[in-house]
Structure formats: C-alpha cells, structure tokens
C-alpha cells in the first residue's frame, strides 16, 4: 500500500509543481536521480524523440516487448484522463496505488536530500516516479517518450541503448530553432556514442543532419532499406515488403490510421 492516495499525490503535484510551468535544463533531474540513487541504472532503455508519432511508436514497442515476456515500464506524455497513464507497467497503465507509491518515494527523497535552490518540476517529479516504478517492478526495459526536443528534456538524463527518431517537423521553434536542421540537432542530443539510432523516413534536411551527427561516432544507424514498401488495405491491414524479410501481410495494428504505416 502507498503512504498516500492518488488524490493526495495529485494535490502534491499541483501544489508543488503546477503543470504548464516549464523550466528547461538537466540540473534538477540529474540531482533528483542522484538522491533517488539512480533507479534506472542496470535497466536497458529506448528513448523516442521526434515531432509526430512518438506516442504511437511507444505504444507499439510497449506492446511488442510485453508480449514477448519482457518486463517493461514506459514513460508516456501526455495523459488523457488520469495522470496514472504517464507510467505504464508491463503494458498496463499504472494503478492509483502504484503511481502514488512511486511518487511518495520521490517526495520523501526530495524532502530529505534536495540541496538546490530551485525545485523539481511537475514533469521531472513524474519522470523520477517512472524510474522508481521501474526499479520497484524489476523492469528489464524502459521506454521513454521525450516531451519537447531532447537536449533539455528530462529523458536526456538517461543514457539510452536505442533512440528512435520519428518524423521531424517545425515544432516549438522559439526553443528548438527556426530550421529543421536546428530542431533535429536538439532531438539528436539524446543519442549516445555506442548506441543504436533508428530513423524514420524524413526530409533531406533532417537526414543530412543525422548523417553529420553520427560521423566519427560509434552509432549504429538503422533506416528503412532500399526496396522496402508499406501498403495499407481498406480494412486497416498493413502489408510490409522488404528485400531482407520478404512479404509480411495480415498486420492489423491496434492503432488505426494509414499514418501508422511508418510508425
């Protein structure tokens, strides 16, 4: 049982760090993970960045790994009905008790050990709670969805083994830059040397920025191979053709829409 209810947890978030108050930077989240004794250490991680499709890619990966028996905890942004949706545990939204229990551990650490003049934000408290939930549930994999950009997002405090770059477009230009190259570079900052980068089909400006970023780095880039095609049938069934895998048909994703082809 948690030391408090979900309502008390939500009131703490609202009173301590109201949502919408965005203060960018990694200093607070790095300090928070330190006082939490780095709950993510020893857990493999996939981080998803981009402008469009991040939530769908996370949902597909979450379902895929969970179906194969991997213990997965996912960090989802934003929530639709309940804040508990922001932490998924083994393919299911966290329960009120699971969410409140994880946040209670974060609150306790902040009350006892916080040494900075500023306080953790709403998003940082939830992100810390997600990593605590991963430790509590002995997760084997973290799937982390970035909120804005990548360089200054809390997810950048975790060294991901794999990064997925979804489609990139003009978003939050006041913070990320006025060009696709600048925006892409902000998102690529989460990619570590020695990791894997999966890149969706993107405009030339985005891809050229990706190629330049990985130059002289030990980063394995995975793109859609030449000769690959994706087709959507009228009933929502997807057909995938590639030189390596041949034809894979009768794919019926749980998320509707022809745009899910690329995701």
C-alpha atoms as a PDB file:
ATOM      1  CA  UNK A   1       0.000   0.000   0.000  1.00  0.00           C
ATOM      2  CA  UNK A   2       1.078   3.564  -0.690  1.00  0.00           C
ATOM      3  CA  UNK A   3       1.635   6.050   2.113  1.00  0.00           C
ATOM      4  CA  UNK A   4      -0.979   8.268   0.452  1.00  0.00           C
ATOM      5  CA  UNK A   5      -3.855   8.143  -2.024  1.00  0.00           C
ATOM      6  CA  UNK A   6      -3.805   9.129  -5.691  1.00  0.00           C
ATOM      7  CA  UNK A   7      -5.779  12.261  -4.805  1.00  0.00           C
ATOM      8  CA  UNK A   8      -3.107  13.268  -2.303  1.00  0.00           C
ATOM      9  CA  UNK A   9      -0.414  12.546  -4.902  1.00  0.00           C
ATOM     10  CA  UNK A  10      -2.185  14.718  -7.471  1.00  0.00           C
ATOM     11  CA  UNK A  11      -2.602  17.513  -4.915  1.00  0.00           C
ATOM     12  CA  UNK A  12       1.106  17.348  -4.134  1.00  0.00           C
ATOM     13  CA  UNK A  13       1.959  17.662  -7.829  1.00  0.00           C
ATOM     14  CA  UNK A  14      -0.468  20.532  -8.289  1.00  0.00           C
ATOM     15  CA  UNK A  15       0.667  22.418  -5.206  1.00  0.00           C
ATOM     16  CA  UNK A  16       4.389  21.783  -5.503  1.00  0.00           C
ATOM     17  CA  UNK A  17       4.925  21.930  -9.245  1.00  0.00           C
ATOM     18  CA  UNK A  18       1.876  23.059 -11.243  1.00  0.00           C
ATOM     19  CA  UNK A  19       1.771  21.613 -14.782  1.00  0.00           C
ATOM     20  CA  UNK A  20       2.490  24.118 -17.503  1.00  0.00           C
ATOM     21  CA  UNK A  21       5.340  25.714 -15.597  1.00  0.00           C
ATOM     22  CA  UNK A  22       8.202  24.746 -17.899  1.00  0.00           C
ATOM     23  CA  UNK A  23      11.765  25.440 -16.769  1.00  0.00           C
ATOM     24  CA  UNK A  24      14.183  23.697 -19.092  1.00  0.00           C
ATOM     25  CA  UNK A  25      17.548  22.220 -18.142  1.00  0.00           C
ATOM     26  CA  UNK A  26      19.027  18.976 -16.821  1.00  0.00           C
ATOM     27  CA  UNK A  27      20.423  20.187 -13.494  1.00  0.00           C
ATOM     28  CA  UNK A  28      17.309  19.407 -11.461  1.00  0.00           C
ATOM     29  CA  UNK A  29      16.594  15.985 -12.979  1.00  0.00           C
ATOM     30  CA  UNK A  30      20.220  14.905 -12.625  1.00  0.00           C
ATOM     31  CA  UNK A  31      20.163  15.921  -8.954  1.00  0.00           C
ATOM     32  CA  UNK A  32      16.818  14.165  -8.450  1.00  0.00           C
ATOM     33  CA  UNK A  33      18.138  10.909  -9.906  1.00  0.00           C
ATOM     34  CA  UNK A  34      21.204  11.185  -7.700  1.00  0.00           C
ATOM     35  CA  UNK A  35      19.178  11.465  -4.489  1.00  0.00           C
ATOM     36  CA  UNK A  36      16.960   8.623  -5.715  1.00  0.00           C
ATOM     37  CA  UNK A  37      20.148   6.540  -6.063  1.00  0.00           C
ATOM     38  CA  UNK A  38      19.826   6.310  -9.849  1.00  0.00           C
ATOM     39  CA  UNK A  39      16.808   3.997 -10.090  1.00  0.00           C
ATOM     40  CA  UNK A  40      17.338   3.500 -13.834  1.00  0.00           C
ATOM     41  CA  UNK A  41      20.821   2.026 -13.567  1.00  0.00           C
ATOM     42  CA  UNK A  42      21.100  -1.503 -14.900  1.00  0.00           C
ATOM     43  CA  UNK A  43      17.892  -1.212 -16.961  1.00  0.00           C
ATOM     44  CA  UNK A  44      18.059  -1.096 -20.751  1.00  0.00           C
ATOM     45  CA  UNK A  45      16.369   1.956 -22.275  1.00  0.00           C
ATOM     46  CA  UNK A  46      14.789   3.082 -25.530  1.00  0.00           C
ATOM     47  CA  UNK A  47      14.161   6.813 -25.923  1.00  0.00           C
ATOM     48  CA  UNK A  48      11.742   8.157 -28.541  1.00  0.00           C
ATOM     49  CA  UNK A  49      12.167  11.657 -29.932  1.00  0.00           C
ATOM     50  CA  UNK A  50      10.621  13.477 -32.888  1.00  0.00           C
ATOM     51  CA  UNK A  51       7.708  15.729 -33.740  1.00  0.00           C
ATOM     52  CA  UNK A  52       4.980  13.282 -34.760  1.00  0.00           C
ATOM     53  CA  UNK A  53       4.321   9.638 -33.986  1.00  0.00           C
ATOM     54  CA  UNK A  54       6.183   9.312 -30.681  1.00  0.00           C
ATOM     55  CA  UNK A  55       3.144   8.075 -28.757  1.00  0.00           C
ATOM     56  CA  UNK A  56       2.244   5.511 -31.418  1.00  0.00           C
ATOM     57  CA  UNK A  57       5.800   4.185 -31.622  1.00  0.00           C
ATOM     58  CA  UNK A  58       5.882   3.884 -27.836  1.00  0.00           C
ATOM     59  CA  UNK A  59       2.563   2.014 -27.836  1.00  0.00           C
ATOM     60  CA  UNK A  60       3.795  -0.446 -30.476  1.00  0.00           C
ATOM     61  CA  UNK A  61       7.108  -1.055 -28.705  1.00  0.00           C
ATOM     62  CA  UNK A  62       5.429  -1.361 -25.308  1.00  0.00           C
ATOM     63  CA  UNK A  63       3.018  -3.987 -26.656  1.00  0.00           C
ATOM     64  CA  UNK A  64       5.703  -5.834 -28.607  1.00  0.00           C
ATOM     65  CA  UNK A  65       8.146  -6.266 -25.746  1.00  0.00           C
ATOM     66  CA  UNK A  66       5.423  -7.012 -23.196  1.00  0.00           C
ATOM     67  CA  UNK A  67       4.001  -9.722 -25.488  1.00  0.00           C
ATOM     68  CA  UNK A  68       7.453 -11.330 -25.557  1.00  0.00           C
ATOM     69  CA  UNK A  69       7.635 -11.503 -21.779  1.00  0.00           C
ATOM     70  CA  UNK A  70       9.939  -8.534 -21.210  1.00  0.00           C
ATOM     71  CA  UNK A  71       9.226  -6.565 -18.030  1.00  0.00           C
ATOM     72  CA  UNK A  72       8.622  -3.059 -19.404  1.00  0.00           C
ATOM     73  CA  UNK A  73       7.985   0.292 -17.750  1.00  0.00           C
ATOM     74  CA  UNK A  74       7.126   3.167 -20.092  1.00  0.00           C
ATOM     75  CA  UNK A  75       7.080   6.934 -19.640  1.00  0.00           C
ATOM     76  CA  UNK A  76       4.170   8.419 -21.603  1.00  0.00           C
ATOM     77  CA  UNK A  77       3.366  12.056 -22.410  1.00  0.00           C
ATOM     78  CA  UNK A  78       0.796  13.500 -22.096  1.00  0.00           C
ATOM     79  CA  UNK A  79      -2.088  11.779 -20.293  1.00  0.00           C
ATOM     80  CA  UNK A  80      -5.689  11.953 -21.499  1.00  0.00           C
ATOM     81  CA  UNK A  81      -7.827  11.186 -18.443  1.00  0.00           C
ATOM     82  CA  UNK A  82      -5.641  10.239 -15.469  1.00  0.00           C
ATOM     83  CA  UNK A  83      -2.081  11.080 -14.525  1.00  0.00           C
ATOM     84  CA  UNK A  84      -1.564   7.354 -13.906  1.00  0.00           C
ATOM     85  CA  UNK A  85      -1.409   6.944 -17.714  1.00  0.00           C
ATOM     86  CA  UNK A  86       2.025   8.577 -17.675  1.00  0.00           C
ATOM     87  CA  UNK A  87       3.568   5.433 -16.206  1.00  0.00           C
ATOM     88  CA  UNK A  88       2.825   2.097 -17.875  1.00  0.00           C
ATOM     89  CA  UNK A  89       3.893  -1.114 -16.180  1.00  0.00           C
ATOM     90  CA  UNK A  90       4.025  -4.304 -18.243  1.00  0.00           C
ATOM     91  CA  UNK A  91       1.611  -2.971 -20.856  1.00  0.00           C
ATOM     92  CA  UNK A  92      -0.950  -1.502 -18.436  1.00  0.00           C
ATOM     93  CA  UNK A  93      -1.391   1.994 -17.041  1.00  0.00           C
ATOM     94  CA  UNK A  94      -0.064   2.178 -13.505  1.00  0.00           C
ATOM     95  CA  UNK A  95      -2.703   1.704 -10.828  1.00  0.00           C
ATOM     96  CA  UNK A  96      -3.524   4.596  -8.484  1.00  0.00           C
ATOM     97  CA  UNK A  97      -1.587   2.832  -5.730  1.00  0.00           C
ATOM     98  CA  UNK A  98       1.433   2.130  -7.951  1.00  0.00           C
ATOM     99  CA  UNK A  99       1.599   5.732  -9.130  1.00  0.00           C
ATOM    100  CA  UNK A 100       1.104   7.193  -5.649  1.00  0.00           C
ATOM    101  CA  UNK A 101       3.655   4.818  -4.130  1.00  0.00           C
ATOM    102  CA  UNK A 102       6.332   5.758  -6.666  1.00  0.00           C
ATOM    103  CA  UNK A 103       5.670   9.478  -6.238  1.00  0.00           C
ATOM    104  CA  UNK A 104       5.765   9.098  -2.446  1.00  0.00           C
ATOM    105  CA  UNK A 105       9.287   7.684  -2.711  1.00  0.00           C
ATOM    106  CA  UNK A 106      10.284  10.664  -4.866  1.00  0.00           C
ATOM    107  CA  UNK A 107       8.692  13.142  -2.432  1.00  0.00           C
ATOM    108  CA  UNK A 108      10.468  11.527   0.505  1.00  0.00           C
ATOM    109  CA  UNK A 109      13.838  11.813  -1.211  1.00  0.00           C
ATOM    110  CA  UNK A 110      13.188  15.458  -2.149  1.00  0.00           C
ATOM    111  CA  UNK A 111      12.122  16.329   1.411  1.00  0.00           C
ATOM    112  CA  UNK A 112      15.212  14.734   2.912  1.00  0.00           C
ATOM    113  CA  UNK A 113      18.018  15.302   0.427  1.00  0.00           C
ATOM    114  CA  UNK A 114      17.187  18.141  -2.004  1.00  0.00           C
ATOM    115  CA  UNK A 115      20.054  20.658  -1.967  1.00  0.00           C
ATOM    116  CA  UNK A 116      19.281  23.033  -4.849  1.00  0.00           C
ATOM    117  CA  UNK A 117      17.615  26.441  -4.564  1.00  0.00           C
ATOM    118  CA  UNK A 118      15.074  25.541  -7.254  1.00  0.00           C
ATOM    119  CA  UNK A 119      12.566  22.688  -7.071  1.00  0.00           C
ATOM    120  CA  UNK A 120      11.839  19.791  -9.442  1.00  0.00           C
ATOM    121  CA  UNK A 121       9.087  20.476 -11.972  1.00  0.00           C
ATOM    122  CA  UNK A 122       5.830  18.569 -12.475  1.00  0.00           C
ATOM    123  CA  UNK A 123       7.336  16.611 -15.361  1.00  0.00           C
ATOM    124  CA  UNK A 124      10.559  15.862 -13.506  1.00  0.00           C
ATOM    125  CA  UNK A 125       8.691  14.526 -10.468  1.00  0.00           C
ATOM    126  CA  UNK A 126       6.661  12.206 -12.706  1.00  0.00           C
ATOM    127  CA  UNK A 127       9.715  11.145 -14.689  1.00  0.00           C
ATOM    128  CA  UNK A 128      11.527  10.325 -11.450  1.00  0.00           C
ATOM    129  CA  UNK A 129       8.463   8.380 -10.320  1.00  0.00           C
ATOM    130  CA  UNK A 130       8.525   6.385 -13.562  1.00  0.00           C
ATOM    131  CA  UNK A 131      12.125   5.346 -12.958  1.00  0.00           C
ATOM    132  CA  UNK A 132      11.316   4.470  -9.347  1.00  0.00           C
ATOM    133  CA  UNK A 133       8.417   2.318 -10.607  1.00  0.00           C
ATOM    134  CA  UNK A 134      10.843   0.593 -12.957  1.00  0.00           C
ATOM    135  CA  UNK A 135      13.130  -0.271 -10.049  1.00  0.00           C
ATOM    136  CA  UNK A 136      10.220  -1.430  -7.885  1.00  0.00           C
ATOM    137  CA  UNK A 137       8.970  -3.726 -10.665  1.00  0.00           C
ATOM    138  CA  UNK A 138      12.418  -5.040 -11.600  1.00  0.00           C
ATOM    139  CA  UNK A 139      11.928  -3.765 -15.133  1.00  0.00           C
ATOM    140  CA  UNK A 140      14.163  -5.102 -17.866  1.00  0.00           C
ATOM    141  CA  UNK A 141      13.384  -2.268 -20.265  1.00  0.00           C
ATOM    142  CA  UNK A 142      12.464   1.404 -20.024  1.00  0.00           C
ATOM    143  CA  UNK A 143      10.688   3.075 -22.949  1.00  0.00           C
ATOM    144  CA  UNK A 144      10.890   6.843 -22.599  1.00  0.00           C
ATOM    145  CA  UNK A 145       8.947   9.386 -24.627  1.00  0.00           C
ATOM    146  CA  UNK A 146      10.519  12.828 -24.849  1.00  0.00           C
ATOM    147  CA  UNK A 147       8.265  15.812 -24.419  1.00  0.00           C
ATOM    148  CA  UNK A 148       9.984  18.757 -26.060  1.00  0.00           C
ATOM    149  CA  UNK A 149      13.082  18.414 -28.217  1.00  0.00           C
ATOM    150  CA  UNK A 150      15.562  16.182 -26.453  1.00  0.00           C
ATOM    151  CA  UNK A 151      18.628  18.091 -25.332  1.00  0.00           C
ATOM    152  CA  UNK A 152      16.893  19.786 -22.384  1.00  0.00           C
ATOM    153  CA  UNK A 153      14.199  17.164 -21.776  1.00  0.00           C
ATOM    154  CA  UNK A 154      14.327  15.026 -18.631  1.00  0.00           C
ATOM    155  CA  UNK A 155      14.721  11.851 -20.718  1.00  0.00           C
ATOM    156  CA  UNK A 156      18.212  13.057 -21.633  1.00  0.00           C
ATOM    157  CA  UNK A 157      19.309  12.204 -18.096  1.00  0.00           C
ATOM    158  CA  UNK A 158      19.120   8.531 -19.089  1.00  0.00           C
ATOM    159  CA  UNK A 159      21.694   7.016 -21.442  1.00  0.00           C
ATOM    160  CA  UNK A 160      19.501   5.124 -23.887  1.00  0.00           C
ATOM    161  CA  UNK A 161      20.724   1.975 -25.617  1.00  0.00           C
ATOM    162  CA  UNK A 162      18.497   2.807 -28.568  1.00  0.00           C
ATOM    163  CA  UNK A 163      16.913   6.038 -29.787  1.00  0.00           C
ATOM    164  CA  UNK A 164      14.017   6.196 -32.242  1.00  0.00           C
ATOM    165  CA  UNK A 165      13.764   9.408 -34.265  1.00  0.00           C
ATOM    166  CA  UNK A 166      10.245   9.711 -35.644  1.00  0.00           C
ATOM    167  CA  UNK A 167       9.184  12.253 -38.264  1.00  0.00           C
ATOM    168  CA  UNK A 168      10.562  15.738 -37.647  1.00  0.00           C
ATOM    169  CA  UNK A 169       8.685  18.927 -38.447  1.00  0.00           C
ATOM    170  CA  UNK A 170       8.602  22.513 -37.237  1.00  0.00           C
ATOM    171  CA  UNK A 171       7.639  22.493 -33.569  1.00  0.00           C
ATOM    172  CA  UNK A 172       8.419  24.786 -30.624  1.00  0.00           C
ATOM    173  CA  UNK A 173      10.629  26.888 -32.877  1.00  0.00           C
ATOM    174  CA  UNK A 174      11.021  29.504 -30.156  1.00  0.00           C
ATOM    175  CA  UNK A 175      13.017  26.940 -28.176  1.00  0.00           C
ATOM    176  CA  UNK A 176      14.328  24.436 -30.694  1.00  0.00           C
ATOM    177  CA  UNK A 177      15.264  26.694 -33.610  1.00  0.00           C
ATOM    178  CA  UNK A 178      13.833  28.017 -36.851  1.00  0.00           C
ATOM    179  CA  UNK A 179      15.134  25.328 -39.198  1.00  0.00           C
ATOM    180  CA  UNK A 180      14.686  21.566 -39.479  1.00  0.00           C
ATOM    181  CA  UNK A 181      18.442  21.181 -39.019  1.00  0.00           C
ATOM    182  CA  UNK A 182      18.378  23.029 -35.688  1.00  0.00           C
ATOM    183  CA  UNK A 183      15.303  21.153 -34.494  1.00  0.00           C
ATOM    184  CA  UNK A 184      16.792  17.793 -35.474  1.00  0.00           C
ATOM    185  CA  UNK A 185      20.065  18.576 -33.734  1.00  0.00           C
ATOM    186  CA  UNK A 186      18.192  19.334 -30.497  1.00  0.00           C
ATOM    187  CA  UNK A 187      16.456  15.961 -30.691  1.00  0.00           C
ATOM    188  CA  UNK A 188      19.625  14.034 -31.554  1.00  0.00           C
ATOM    189  CA  UNK A 189      21.343  15.176 -28.373  1.00  0.00           C
ATOM    190  CA  UNK A 190      19.854  12.153 -26.577  1.00  0.00           C
ATOM    191  CA  UNK A 191      21.818   9.764 -28.821  1.00  0.00           C
ATOM    192  CA  UNK A 192      24.895   8.394 -27.073  1.00  0.00           C
ATOM    193  CA  UNK A 193      28.097   7.053 -28.561  1.00  0.00           C
ATOM    194  CA  UNK A 194      27.832   3.278 -28.842  1.00  0.00           C
ATOM    195  CA  UNK A 195      24.036   3.248 -29.112  1.00  0.00           C
ATOM    196  CA  UNK A 196      21.611   2.427 -31.926  1.00  0.00           C
ATOM    197  CA  UNK A 197      19.657   5.130 -33.778  1.00  0.00           C
ATOM    198  CA  UNK A 198      16.508   4.122 -35.640  1.00  0.00           C
ATOM    199  CA  UNK A 199      15.492   6.833 -38.091  1.00  0.00           C
ATOM    200  CA  UNK A 200      12.145   7.103 -39.834  1.00  0.00           C
ATOM    201  CA  UNK A 201      11.823   8.474 -43.342  1.00  0.00           C
ATOM    202  CA  UNK A 202      12.349  12.240 -43.107  1.00  0.00           C
ATOM    203  CA  UNK A 203      13.085  15.328 -45.219  1.00  0.00           C
ATOM    204  CA  UNK A 204      16.573  15.740 -46.673  1.00  0.00           C
ATOM    205  CA  UNK A 205      17.451  18.471 -44.150  1.00  0.00           C
ATOM    206  CA  UNK A 206      16.689  16.094 -41.287  1.00  0.00           C
ATOM    207  CA  UNK A 207      18.577  13.128 -42.738  1.00  0.00           C
ATOM    208  CA  UNK A 208      21.660  15.194 -43.619  1.00  0.00           C
ATOM    209  CA  UNK A 209      21.735  16.417 -40.007  1.00  0.00           C
ATOM    210  CA  UNK A 210      21.511  12.824 -38.784  1.00  0.00           C
ATOM    211  CA  UNK A 211      24.382  11.696 -41.032  1.00  0.00           C
ATOM    212  CA  UNK A 212      26.564  14.593 -39.926  1.00  0.00           C
ATOM    213  CA  UNK A 213      25.782  13.951 -36.246  1.00  0.00           C
ATOM    214  CA  UNK A 214      26.850  10.296 -36.366  1.00  0.00           C
ATOM    215  CA  UNK A 215      30.074  10.981 -38.274  1.00  0.00           C
ATOM    216  CA  UNK A 216      33.085   9.610 -36.404  1.00  0.00           C
ATOM    217  CA  UNK A 217      30.814   8.247 -33.662  1.00  0.00           C
ATOM    218  CA  UNK A 218      30.174   4.625 -32.797  1.00  0.00           C
ATOM    219  CA  UNK A 219      26.463   4.896 -33.504  1.00  0.00           C
ATOM    220  CA  UNK A 220      24.650   2.210 -35.485  1.00  0.00           C
ATOM    221  CA  UNK A 221      22.094   3.813 -37.795  1.00  0.00           C
ATOM    222  CA  UNK A 222      19.048   1.807 -38.872  1.00  0.00           C
ATOM    223  CA  UNK A 223      16.912   3.141 -41.716  1.00  0.00           C
ATOM    224  CA  UNK A 224      14.278   1.653 -43.964  1.00  0.00           C
ATOM    225  CA  UNK A 225      16.206  -0.420 -46.555  1.00  0.00           C
ATOM    226  CA  UNK A 226      16.021   0.397 -50.251  1.00  0.00           C
ATOM    227  CA  UNK A 227      13.294  -1.583 -51.963  1.00  0.00           C
ATOM    228  CA  UNK A 228      11.053  -1.585 -48.905  1.00  0.00           C
ATOM    229  CA  UNK A 229       7.372  -0.798 -49.332  1.00  0.00           C
ATOM    230  CA  UNK A 230       4.479  -0.349 -46.929  1.00  0.00           C
ATOM    231  CA  UNK A 231       0.870  -0.643 -48.032  1.00  0.00           C
ATOM    232  CA  UNK A 232      -2.415  -0.127 -46.201  1.00  0.00           C
ATOM    233  CA  UNK A 233      -5.506  -2.080 -47.202  1.00  0.00           C
ATOM    234  CA  UNK A 234      -9.010  -0.607 -46.915  1.00  0.00           C
ATOM    235  CA  UNK A 235      -9.740  -2.757 -43.851  1.00  0.00           C
ATOM    236  CA  UNK A 236      -6.737  -1.322 -41.976  1.00  0.00           C
ATOM    237  CA  UNK A 237      -4.498  -4.336 -42.633  1.00  0.00           C
ATOM    238  CA  UNK A 238      -0.870  -3.459 -43.374  1.00  0.00           C
ATOM    239  CA  UNK A 239       1.483  -5.188 -45.819  1.00  0.00           C
ATOM    240  CA  UNK A 240       5.261  -4.884 -45.433  1.00  0.00           C
ATOM    241  CA  UNK A 241       7.687  -5.863 -48.193  1.00  0.00           C
ATOM    242  CA  UNK A 242      11.469  -5.768 -47.909  1.00  0.00           C
ATOM    243  CA  UNK A 243      14.461  -7.466 -49.558  1.00  0.00           C
ATOM    244  CA  UNK A 244      15.558  -8.869 -46.189  1.00  0.00           C
ATOM    245  CA  UNK A 245      12.262 -10.156 -44.785  1.00  0.00           C
ATOM    246  CA  UNK A 246      10.170 -10.699 -47.887  1.00  0.00           C
ATOM    247  CA  UNK A 247       6.432 -10.096 -47.571  1.00  0.00           C
ATOM    248  CA  UNK A 248       4.740  -9.792 -44.198  1.00  0.00           C
ATOM    249  CA  UNK A 249       0.995  -9.396 -44.583  1.00  0.00           C
ATOM    250  CA  UNK A 250      -2.098  -9.518 -42.386  1.00  0.00           C
ATOM    251  CA  UNK A 251      -0.598  -6.998 -39.953  1.00  0.00           C
ATOM    252  CA  UNK A 252      -3.508  -5.482 -38.045  1.00  0.00           C
ATOM    253  CA  UNK A 253      -2.232  -2.850 -35.598  1.00  0.00           C
ATOM    254  CA  UNK A 254      -4.337  -1.863 -32.632  1.00  0.00           C
ATOM    255  CA  UNK A 255      -3.950   1.803 -33.582  1.00  0.00           C
ATOM    256  CA  UNK A 256      -5.982   2.900 -36.594  1.00  0.00           C
ATOM    257  CA  UNK A 257      -4.891   5.199 -39.420  1.00  0.00           C
ATOM    258  CA  UNK A 258      -2.832   4.837 -42.578  1.00  0.00           C
ATOM    259  CA  UNK A 259      -0.192   7.093 -40.999  1.00  0.00           C
ATOM    260  CA  UNK A 260       0.590   4.207 -38.621  1.00  0.00           C
ATOM    261  CA  UNK A 261       2.413   2.580 -41.539  1.00  0.00           C
ATOM    262  CA  UNK A 262       5.605   4.444 -40.775  1.00  0.00           C
ATOM    263  CA  UNK A 263       5.225   4.192 -37.012  1.00  0.00           C
END
